[in-house]
Amino acid sequence: MLSRPVRRFVIQTGRPFDQFRKQWERAVPAWSWGTAVAEAKGGGGWPALENLSNRSAGDGLVNISTFDPGPVMRLAGHELRAVTYLADNLVIEEGLYKHDPAIIEYLPVRLTISEQPDGDSTLTFDKPCDLFGGYAIADLVEHGTQVEEAIATVLRKVNLPVPPELTKP
């Protein structure tokens, strides 16, 4: 067993939930695994997937999956909303996967937008390199900075501050 600290970022967006969610979803477009599989099966192989990823995510991220528990939680009387996204960049993920395929425990990255009682919303996520540090493989942490740079790129796109811990020294 390997224990390590994990830093969590909670960033105030200064925007209502619906407004920030729309901005986030424009900056982190939906990704279709079906499209990715079709590209690969179409004979293009990995280069076709790299091309698709670069067109979709660029140096940022794409949304692999969305989990919105709101409709069910409202049945229990909870009015504040939250939505979790699994965001990824396939090209960056491949660079980590080759070192240890178990890294998919932390990829795609999980980010949550939540509504606060004051009407503001927050964006919450764990620092990827802290998570990757649990593998005790130096290349994972070093390569993992690309994931953090992709998150920083998206934060800039949605006009949020980039925590200094996400940028290379």
N, C-alpha and C. Protein backbone atom coordinates (compact mmCIF):
# COMPACT_ATOMS: atom_id res chain seq x y z
N MET A 1 0.84 -1.17 0.00
CA MET A 1 0.00 0.00 0.00
C MET A 1 0.90 1.24 0.00
N LEU A 2 0.52 2.21 -0.82
CA LEU A 2 1.26 3.46 -0.93
C LEU A 2 0.31 4.60 -0.58
N SER A 3 0.71 5.40 0.36
CA SER A 3 -0.10 6.54 0.79
C SER A 3 0.57 7.82 0.33
N ARG A 4 -0.25 8.80 -0.07
CA ARG A 4 0.28 10.09 -0.48
C ARG A 4 -0.81 11.14 -0.36
N PRO A 5 -0.41 12.40 -0.17
CA PRO A 5 -1.43 13.46 -0.12
C PRO A 5 -1.94 13.78 -1.52
N VAL A 6 -3.20 14.18 -1.58
CA VAL A 6 -3.81 14.60 -2.84
C VAL A 6 -4.43 15.97 -2.61
N ARG A 7 -4.00 16.94 -3.41
CA ARG A 7 -4.56 18.28 -3.31
C ARG A 7 -5.82 18.38 -4.14
N ARG A 8 -6.83 19.01 -3.55
CA ARG A 8 -8.10 19.24 -4.23
C ARG A 8 -8.24 20.73 -4.48
N PHE A 9 -8.64 21.06 -5.70
CA PHE A 9 -8.89 22.46 -6.06
C PHE A 9 -10.39 22.70 -6.06
N VAL A 10 -10.80 23.79 -5.43
CA VAL A 10 -12.18 24.24 -5.46
C VAL A 10 -12.12 25.69 -5.92
N ILE A 11 -12.56 25.93 -7.15
CA ILE A 11 -12.45 27.25 -7.76
C ILE A 11 -13.84 27.88 -7.86
N GLN A 12 -14.00 29.06 -7.26
CA GLN A 12 -15.25 29.81 -7.38
C GLN A 12 -15.32 30.35 -8.81
N THR A 13 -16.43 30.09 -9.49
CA THR A 13 -16.53 30.53 -10.88
C THR A 13 -17.03 31.97 -11.01
N GLY A 14 -17.75 32.46 -9.99
CA GLY A 14 -18.34 33.78 -10.09
C GLY A 14 -19.52 33.82 -11.04
N ARG A 15 -20.06 32.66 -11.38
CA ARG A 15 -21.17 32.56 -12.32
C ARG A 15 -22.20 31.57 -11.80
N PRO A 16 -23.46 31.79 -12.16
CA PRO A 16 -24.49 30.81 -11.80
C PRO A 16 -24.21 29.46 -12.46
N PHE A 17 -24.74 28.41 -11.88
CA PHE A 17 -24.53 27.04 -12.32
C PHE A 17 -24.80 26.87 -13.81
N ASP A 18 -26.00 27.25 -14.27
CA ASP A 18 -26.37 27.02 -15.68
C ASP A 18 -25.43 27.76 -16.63
N GLN A 19 -25.09 28.99 -16.30
CA GLN A 19 -24.22 29.78 -17.15
C GLN A 19 -22.83 29.15 -17.25
N PHE A 20 -22.27 28.78 -16.10
CA PHE A 20 -20.92 28.20 -16.13
C PHE A 20 -20.94 26.83 -16.80
N ARG A 21 -21.97 26.05 -16.56
CA ARG A 21 -22.04 24.73 -17.19
C ARG A 21 -22.02 24.85 -18.72
N LYS A 22 -22.77 25.81 -19.26
CA LYS A 22 -22.77 26.01 -20.72
C LYS A 22 -21.38 26.41 -21.21
N GLN A 23 -20.72 27.30 -20.48
CA GLN A 23 -19.36 27.70 -20.88
C GLN A 23 -18.41 26.51 -20.84
N TRP A 24 -18.52 25.72 -19.79
CA TRP A 24 -17.65 24.55 -19.65
C TRP A 24 -17.87 23.58 -20.81
N GLU A 25 -19.12 23.33 -21.14
CA GLU A 25 -19.40 22.35 -22.19
C GLU A 25 -19.00 22.85 -23.58
N ARG A 26 -18.93 24.16 -23.78
CA ARG A 26 -18.38 24.68 -25.04
C ARG A 26 -16.86 24.51 -25.07
N ALA A 27 -16.21 24.69 -23.93
CA ALA A 27 -14.75 24.59 -23.86
C ALA A 27 -14.27 23.13 -23.85
N VAL A 28 -15.10 22.23 -23.34
CA VAL A 28 -14.75 20.81 -23.25
C VAL A 28 -15.85 20.05 -24.01
N PRO A 29 -15.69 19.93 -25.32
CA PRO A 29 -16.75 19.33 -26.14
C PRO A 29 -16.94 17.84 -25.87
N ALA A 30 -18.15 17.38 -26.13
CA ALA A 30 -18.47 15.97 -25.97
C ALA A 30 -17.65 15.13 -26.96
N TRP A 31 -17.24 13.98 -26.51
CA TRP A 31 -16.44 13.04 -27.31
C TRP A 31 -17.23 11.76 -27.46
N SER A 32 -17.26 11.23 -28.63
CA SER A 32 -17.98 9.99 -28.89
C SER A 32 -16.99 8.84 -29.06
N TRP A 33 -17.06 7.88 -28.15
CA TRP A 33 -16.21 6.69 -28.31
C TRP A 33 -16.60 5.95 -29.57
N GLY A 34 -17.88 6.01 -29.93
CA GLY A 34 -18.31 5.36 -31.16
C GLY A 34 -17.61 5.94 -32.38
N THR A 35 -17.48 7.26 -32.41
CA THR A 35 -16.76 7.91 -33.50
C THR A 35 -15.30 7.50 -33.49
N ALA A 36 -14.72 7.44 -32.30
CA ALA A 36 -13.31 7.05 -32.19
C ALA A 36 -13.09 5.62 -32.69
N VAL A 37 -13.96 4.72 -32.30
CA VAL A 37 -13.84 3.33 -32.73
C VAL A 37 -14.02 3.24 -34.25
N ALA A 38 -14.98 3.98 -34.78
CA ALA A 38 -15.20 3.97 -36.24
C ALA A 38 -13.97 4.48 -36.98
N GLU A 39 -13.34 5.54 -36.44
CA GLU A 39 -12.11 6.07 -37.06
C GLU A 39 -11.03 4.99 -37.08
N ALA A 40 -10.86 4.31 -35.96
CA ALA A 40 -9.82 3.27 -35.86
C ALA A 40 -10.12 2.11 -36.80
N LYS A 41 -11.39 1.69 -36.83
CA LYS A 41 -11.77 0.56 -37.69
C LYS A 41 -11.79 0.93 -39.16
N GLY A 42 -11.84 2.21 -39.44
CA GLY A 42 -11.85 2.68 -40.82
C GLY A 42 -10.50 2.54 -41.50
N GLY A 43 -9.53 1.99 -40.79
CA GLY A 43 -8.23 1.74 -41.40
C GLY A 43 -7.17 2.75 -41.02
N GLY A 44 -7.56 3.79 -40.31
CA GLY A 44 -6.58 4.82 -39.94
C GLY A 44 -5.75 4.48 -38.73
N GLY A 45 -6.21 3.51 -37.92
CA GLY A 45 -5.47 3.09 -36.74
C GLY A 45 -5.23 4.23 -35.77
N TRP A 46 -4.13 4.09 -35.03
CA TRP A 46 -3.78 5.10 -34.01
C TRP A 46 -3.60 6.49 -34.60
N PRO A 47 -2.95 6.67 -35.75
CA PRO A 47 -2.83 8.02 -36.31
C PRO A 47 -4.18 8.71 -36.53
N ALA A 48 -5.19 7.95 -36.94
CA ALA A 48 -6.53 8.53 -37.13
C ALA A 48 -7.11 8.99 -35.79
N LEU A 49 -6.87 8.21 -34.73
CA LEU A 49 -7.35 8.60 -33.41
C LEU A 49 -6.61 9.83 -32.89
N GLU A 50 -5.31 9.88 -33.12
CA GLU A 50 -4.54 11.08 -32.73
C GLU A 50 -5.09 12.31 -33.44
N ASN A 51 -5.35 12.17 -34.73
CA ASN A 51 -5.88 13.28 -35.51
C ASN A 51 -7.24 13.71 -34.97
N LEU A 52 -8.12 12.75 -34.70
CA LEU A 52 -9.44 13.05 -34.15
C LEU A 52 -9.32 13.74 -32.80
N SER A 53 -8.43 13.24 -31.95
CA SER A 53 -8.23 13.84 -30.63
C SER A 53 -7.72 15.26 -30.75
N ASN A 54 -6.75 15.48 -31.61
CA ASN A 54 -6.19 16.82 -31.79
C ASN A 54 -7.24 17.79 -32.35
N ARG A 55 -8.09 17.31 -33.24
CA ARG A 55 -9.17 18.17 -33.78
C ARG A 55 -10.20 18.49 -32.72
N SER A 56 -10.49 17.52 -31.87
CA SER A 56 -11.55 17.69 -30.87
C SER A 56 -11.07 18.43 -29.63
N ALA A 57 -9.95 18.00 -29.09
CA ALA A 57 -9.47 18.54 -27.81
C ALA A 57 -8.40 19.59 -28.00
N GLY A 58 -7.67 19.52 -29.11
CA GLY A 58 -6.53 20.42 -29.24
C GLY A 58 -5.56 20.14 -28.11
N ASP A 59 -5.17 21.19 -27.42
CA ASP A 59 -4.29 21.00 -26.26
C ASP A 59 -5.09 20.96 -24.97
N GLY A 60 -6.41 20.89 -25.09
CA GLY A 60 -7.29 20.85 -23.92
C GLY A 60 -7.86 19.47 -23.70
N LEU A 61 -9.14 19.42 -23.38
CA LEU A 61 -9.80 18.18 -23.01
C LEU A 61 -11.10 18.00 -23.78
N VAL A 62 -11.57 16.77 -23.84
CA VAL A 62 -12.91 16.46 -24.32
C VAL A 62 -13.67 15.79 -23.19
N ASN A 63 -14.99 15.88 -23.27
CA ASN A 63 -15.85 15.27 -22.27
C ASN A 63 -16.20 13.85 -22.71
N ILE A 64 -15.74 12.88 -21.94
CA ILE A 64 -16.00 11.47 -22.24
C ILE A 64 -17.36 11.04 -21.71
N SER A 65 -17.74 11.60 -20.55
CA SER A 65 -18.99 11.19 -19.92
C SER A 65 -19.46 12.28 -18.96
N THR A 66 -20.77 12.35 -18.77
CA THR A 66 -21.38 13.30 -17.84
C THR A 66 -22.27 12.54 -16.88
N PHE A 67 -22.16 12.86 -15.60
CA PHE A 67 -23.04 12.27 -14.59
C PHE A 67 -23.76 13.41 -13.89
N ASP A 68 -25.08 13.44 -14.02
CA ASP A 68 -25.91 14.48 -13.41
C ASP A 68 -26.90 13.80 -12.47
N PRO A 69 -26.62 13.80 -11.16
CA PRO A 69 -27.53 13.14 -10.21
C PRO A 69 -28.73 14.01 -9.82
N GLY A 70 -28.81 15.24 -10.34
CA GLY A 70 -29.83 16.19 -9.94
C GLY A 70 -31.26 15.68 -9.95
N PRO A 71 -31.73 15.08 -11.05
CA PRO A 71 -33.12 14.64 -11.07
C PRO A 71 -33.46 13.66 -9.94
N VAL A 72 -32.55 12.80 -9.59
CA VAL A 72 -32.79 11.84 -8.52
C VAL A 72 -32.67 12.53 -7.16
N MET A 73 -31.67 13.38 -6.99
CA MET A 73 -31.47 14.06 -5.71
C MET A 73 -32.62 15.01 -5.39
N ARG A 74 -33.22 15.60 -6.41
CA ARG A 74 -34.38 16.48 -6.17
C ARG A 74 -35.55 15.68 -5.57
N LEU A 75 -35.67 14.41 -5.91
CA LEU A 75 -36.71 13.56 -5.32
C LEU A 75 -36.53 13.42 -3.81
N ALA A 76 -35.29 13.55 -3.37
CA ALA A 76 -34.99 13.47 -1.93
C ALA A 76 -35.02 14.86 -1.28
N GLY A 77 -35.39 15.89 -2.05
CA GLY A 77 -35.52 17.23 -1.50
C GLY A 77 -34.31 18.11 -1.65
N HIS A 78 -33.29 17.68 -2.37
CA HIS A 78 -32.07 18.47 -2.56
C HIS A 78 -32.22 19.36 -3.78
N GLU A 79 -32.12 20.66 -3.58
CA GLU A 79 -32.33 21.61 -4.67
C GLU A 79 -31.03 22.01 -5.37
N LEU A 80 -29.90 22.04 -4.64
CA LEU A 80 -28.64 22.44 -5.26
C LEU A 80 -28.19 21.36 -6.23
N ARG A 81 -27.61 21.80 -7.33
CA ARG A 81 -27.24 20.88 -8.40
C ARG A 81 -25.73 20.67 -8.47
N ALA A 82 -25.36 19.55 -9.05
CA ALA A 82 -23.96 19.24 -9.32
C ALA A 82 -23.92 18.33 -10.53
N VAL A 83 -22.86 18.43 -11.29
CA VAL A 83 -22.65 17.55 -12.44
C VAL A 83 -21.16 17.22 -12.49
N THR A 84 -20.86 15.95 -12.73
CA THR A 84 -19.48 15.51 -12.83
C THR A 84 -19.18 15.13 -14.27
N TYR A 85 -18.02 15.57 -14.72
CA TYR A 85 -17.55 15.25 -16.07
C TYR A 85 -16.31 14.37 -15.97
N LEU A 86 -16.21 13.41 -16.86
CA LEU A 86 -14.97 12.67 -17.06
C LEU A 86 -14.35 13.25 -18.32
N ALA A 87 -13.25 13.96 -18.14
CA ALA A 87 -12.61 14.67 -19.24
C ALA A 87 -11.25 14.07 -19.53
N ASP A 88 -10.88 14.09 -20.80
CA ASP A 88 -9.67 13.39 -21.21
C ASP A 88 -9.09 14.04 -22.46
N ASN A 89 -7.87 13.66 -22.74
CA ASN A 89 -7.21 13.94 -24.00
C ASN A 89 -6.53 12.63 -24.36
N LEU A 90 -7.04 11.96 -25.36
CA LEU A 90 -6.59 10.61 -25.70
C LEU A 90 -5.09 10.53 -25.98
N VAL A 91 -4.54 11.54 -26.61
CA VAL A 91 -3.11 11.54 -26.92
C VAL A 91 -2.30 11.60 -25.64
N ILE A 92 -2.71 12.45 -24.71
CA ILE A 92 -2.00 12.53 -23.43
C ILE A 92 -2.18 11.22 -22.65
N GLU A 93 -3.41 10.70 -22.65
CA GLU A 93 -3.68 9.46 -21.91
C GLU A 93 -2.78 8.33 -22.40
N GLU A 94 -2.58 8.23 -23.70
CA GLU A 94 -1.75 7.15 -24.25
C GLU A 94 -0.33 7.24 -23.70
N GLY A 95 0.18 8.47 -23.54
CA GLY A 95 1.53 8.64 -23.00
C GLY A 95 1.65 8.15 -21.57
N LEU A 96 0.57 8.17 -20.82
CA LEU A 96 0.57 7.66 -19.45
C LEU A 96 0.29 6.15 -19.43
N TYR A 97 -0.64 5.73 -20.25
CA TYR A 97 -1.07 4.33 -20.30
C TYR A 97 0.10 3.40 -20.60
N LYS A 98 1.02 3.84 -21.45
CA LYS A 98 2.13 2.96 -21.83
C LYS A 98 3.03 2.64 -20.64
N HIS A 99 3.03 3.49 -19.61
CA HIS A 99 3.85 3.23 -18.43
C HIS A 99 3.19 2.25 -17.47
N ASP A 100 1.85 2.35 -17.37
CA ASP A 100 1.09 1.43 -16.52
C ASP A 100 -0.38 1.58 -16.89
N PRO A 101 -0.98 0.55 -17.51
CA PRO A 101 -2.37 0.67 -17.93
C PRO A 101 -3.34 0.88 -16.76
N ALA A 102 -2.91 0.59 -15.54
CA ALA A 102 -3.78 0.81 -14.37
C ALA A 102 -4.04 2.30 -14.14
N ILE A 103 -3.33 3.16 -14.85
CA ILE A 103 -3.51 4.60 -14.70
C ILE A 103 -4.94 5.02 -15.05
N ILE A 104 -5.66 4.17 -15.77
CA ILE A 104 -7.03 4.53 -16.11
C ILE A 104 -7.91 4.65 -14.86
N GLU A 105 -7.37 4.26 -13.71
CA GLU A 105 -8.08 4.52 -12.46
C GLU A 105 -8.32 6.03 -12.29
N TYR A 106 -7.39 6.84 -12.81
CA TYR A 106 -7.47 8.30 -12.66
C TYR A 106 -7.66 9.04 -13.97
N LEU A 107 -7.78 8.32 -15.06
CA LEU A 107 -8.04 8.93 -16.36
C LEU A 107 -9.25 8.25 -16.96
N PRO A 108 -10.17 8.94 -17.48
CA PRO A 108 -10.26 10.38 -17.62
C PRO A 108 -10.30 11.08 -16.24
N VAL A 109 -9.95 12.36 -16.24
CA VAL A 109 -9.95 13.17 -15.04
C VAL A 109 -11.40 13.49 -14.67
N ARG A 110 -11.67 13.50 -13.39
CA ARG A 110 -13.02 13.79 -12.89
C ARG A 110 -13.05 15.24 -12.40
N LEU A 111 -13.99 16.03 -12.96
CA LEU A 111 -14.17 17.43 -12.57
C LEU A 111 -15.66 17.64 -12.28
N THR A 112 -15.96 18.41 -11.24
CA THR A 112 -17.35 18.61 -10.83
C THR A 112 -17.70 20.09 -10.76
N ILE A 113 -18.82 20.43 -11.37
CA ILE A 113 -19.39 21.77 -11.22
C ILE A 113 -20.53 21.61 -10.23
N SER A 114 -20.52 22.45 -9.18
CA SER A 114 -21.60 22.36 -8.19
C SER A 114 -22.15 23.74 -7.88
N GLU A 115 -23.44 23.75 -7.64
CA GLU A 115 -24.15 24.97 -7.31
C GLU A 115 -24.02 25.23 -5.82
N GLN A 116 -23.77 26.47 -5.45
CA GLN A 116 -23.62 26.85 -4.05
C GLN A 116 -24.85 27.61 -3.56
N PRO A 117 -25.09 27.61 -2.25
CA PRO A 117 -26.29 28.28 -1.72
C PRO A 117 -26.38 29.77 -2.09
N ASP A 118 -25.23 30.42 -2.31
CA ASP A 118 -25.25 31.85 -2.65
C ASP A 118 -25.53 32.11 -4.13
N GLY A 119 -25.76 31.04 -4.91
CA GLY A 119 -26.05 31.19 -6.34
C GLY A 119 -24.83 31.05 -7.22
N ASP A 120 -23.65 31.10 -6.63
CA ASP A 120 -22.40 30.91 -7.38
C ASP A 120 -22.24 29.41 -7.66
N SER A 121 -21.31 29.09 -8.53
CA SER A 121 -20.96 27.68 -8.75
C SER A 121 -19.46 27.52 -8.56
N THR A 122 -19.07 26.30 -8.27
CA THR A 122 -17.65 25.99 -8.10
C THR A 122 -17.26 24.88 -9.07
N LEU A 123 -15.97 24.85 -9.40
CA LEU A 123 -15.38 23.76 -10.16
C LEU A 123 -14.40 23.07 -9.22
N THR A 124 -14.55 21.76 -9.05
CA THR A 124 -13.72 21.00 -8.12
C THR A 124 -13.05 19.85 -8.85
N PHE A 125 -11.76 19.66 -8.55
CA PHE A 125 -11.03 18.51 -9.11
C PHE A 125 -9.78 18.27 -8.28
N ASP A 126 -9.27 17.04 -8.35
CA ASP A 126 -8.03 16.68 -7.67
C ASP A 126 -6.85 16.90 -8.61
N LYS A 127 -5.70 17.21 -8.02
CA LYS A 127 -4.48 17.44 -8.82
C LYS A 127 -4.02 16.11 -9.42
N PRO A 128 -4.07 15.99 -10.74
CA PRO A 128 -3.73 14.70 -11.37
C PRO A 128 -2.37 14.12 -10.97
N CYS A 129 -1.34 14.93 -10.92
CA CYS A 129 -0.02 14.37 -10.59
C CYS A 129 0.04 13.83 -9.17
N ASP A 130 -0.77 14.38 -8.26
CA ASP A 130 -0.84 13.80 -6.91
C ASP A 130 -1.45 12.41 -6.99
N LEU A 131 -2.47 12.25 -7.82
CA LEU A 131 -3.09 10.93 -7.99
C LEU A 131 -2.11 9.96 -8.64
N PHE A 132 -1.42 10.40 -9.68
CA PHE A 132 -0.48 9.54 -10.39
C PHE A 132 0.70 9.15 -9.51
N GLY A 133 1.01 9.98 -8.52
CA GLY A 133 2.13 9.71 -7.62
C GLY A 133 1.96 8.40 -6.86
N GLY A 134 0.75 7.91 -6.76
CA GLY A 134 0.51 6.65 -6.09
C GLY A 134 1.11 5.46 -6.81
N TYR A 135 1.54 5.65 -8.04
CA TYR A 135 2.14 4.56 -8.81
C TYR A 135 3.64 4.48 -8.64
N ALA A 136 4.25 5.48 -8.04
CA ALA A 136 5.69 5.49 -7.79
C ALA A 136 6.50 5.22 -9.07
N ILE A 137 6.03 5.77 -10.18
CA ILE A 137 6.75 5.69 -11.46
C ILE A 137 7.02 7.12 -11.87
N ALA A 138 8.28 7.53 -11.83
CA ALA A 138 8.64 8.93 -12.07
C ALA A 138 8.10 9.43 -13.41
N ASP A 139 8.15 8.62 -14.44
CA ASP A 139 7.68 9.05 -15.76
C ASP A 139 6.18 9.37 -15.77
N LEU A 140 5.41 8.68 -14.92
CA LEU A 140 3.97 8.97 -14.86
C LEU A 140 3.73 10.38 -14.35
N VAL A 141 4.41 10.72 -13.28
CA VAL A 141 4.22 12.05 -12.71
C VAL A 141 4.74 13.11 -13.68
N GLU A 142 5.90 12.84 -14.27
CA GLU A 142 6.47 13.80 -15.22
C GLU A 142 5.55 13.98 -16.43
N HIS A 143 5.08 12.88 -16.99
CA HIS A 143 4.19 12.94 -18.15
C HIS A 143 2.81 13.48 -17.76
N GLY A 144 2.43 13.25 -16.51
CA GLY A 144 1.15 13.72 -16.02
C GLY A 144 1.00 15.22 -16.01
N THR A 145 2.11 15.94 -16.04
CA THR A 145 2.00 17.40 -16.08
C THR A 145 1.27 17.85 -17.35
N GLN A 146 1.29 17.03 -18.39
CA GLN A 146 0.53 17.36 -19.60
C GLN A 146 -0.97 17.38 -19.34
N VAL A 147 -1.43 16.48 -18.46
CA VAL A 147 -2.85 16.48 -18.09
C VAL A 147 -3.17 17.79 -17.36
N GLU A 148 -2.29 18.18 -16.46
CA GLU A 148 -2.51 19.41 -15.71
C GLU A 148 -2.46 20.63 -16.63
N GLU A 149 -1.58 20.61 -17.62
CA GLU A 149 -1.52 21.71 -18.59
C GLU A 149 -2.81 21.77 -19.41
N ALA A 150 -3.38 20.60 -19.74
CA ALA A 150 -4.65 20.58 -20.48
C ALA A 150 -5.77 21.17 -19.63
N ILE A 151 -5.78 20.86 -18.34
CA ILE A 151 -6.78 21.46 -17.44
C ILE A 151 -6.57 22.98 -17.39
N ALA A 152 -5.32 23.41 -17.27
CA ALA A 152 -5.02 24.85 -17.23
C ALA A 152 -5.50 25.54 -18.51
N THR A 153 -5.33 24.88 -19.65
CA THR A 153 -5.80 25.44 -20.93
C THR A 153 -7.31 25.66 -20.88
N VAL A 154 -8.04 24.68 -20.37
CA VAL A 154 -9.50 24.80 -20.29
C VAL A 154 -9.88 25.90 -19.29
N LEU A 155 -9.19 25.97 -18.16
CA LEU A 155 -9.50 27.02 -17.18
C LEU A 155 -9.35 28.40 -17.81
N ARG A 156 -8.33 28.57 -18.63
CA ARG A 156 -8.14 29.87 -19.32
C ARG A 156 -9.29 30.12 -20.30
N LYS A 157 -9.73 29.08 -21.00
CA LYS A 157 -10.83 29.22 -21.97
C LYS A 157 -12.12 29.69 -21.31
N VAL A 158 -12.34 29.28 -20.05
CA VAL A 158 -13.57 29.65 -19.35
C VAL A 158 -13.32 30.80 -18.37
N ASN A 159 -12.19 31.48 -18.53
CA ASN A 159 -11.86 32.66 -17.72
C ASN A 159 -11.85 32.39 -16.22
N LEU A 160 -11.20 31.30 -15.84
CA LEU A 160 -11.00 31.00 -14.42
C LEU A 160 -9.51 31.09 -14.11
N PRO A 161 -9.17 31.41 -12.86
CA PRO A 161 -7.76 31.46 -12.50
C PRO A 161 -7.13 30.07 -12.56
N VAL A 162 -5.89 30.01 -12.98
CA VAL A 162 -5.16 28.75 -13.02
C VAL A 162 -4.33 28.66 -11.74
N PRO A 163 -4.61 27.66 -10.89
CA PRO A 163 -3.80 27.52 -9.69
C PRO A 163 -2.33 27.34 -10.07
N PRO A 164 -1.43 28.02 -9.37
CA PRO A 164 0.00 27.92 -9.72
C PRO A 164 0.52 26.49 -9.66
N GLU A 165 -0.11 25.64 -8.87
CA GLU A 165 0.32 24.25 -8.76
C GLU A 165 0.08 23.45 -10.04
N LEU A 166 -0.68 24.00 -10.97
CA LEU A 166 -0.96 23.30 -12.24
C LEU A 166 0.00 23.69 -13.35
N THR A 167 0.86 24.64 -13.11
CA THR A 167 1.77 25.10 -14.16
C THR A 167 3.18 24.67 -13.84
N LYS A 168 3.94 24.37 -14.86
CA LYS A 168 5.33 23.97 -14.66
C LYS A 168 6.11 25.13 -14.08
N PRO A 169 7.07 24.83 -13.21
CA PRO A 169 7.88 25.92 -12.64
C PRO A 169 8.73 26.61 -13.68
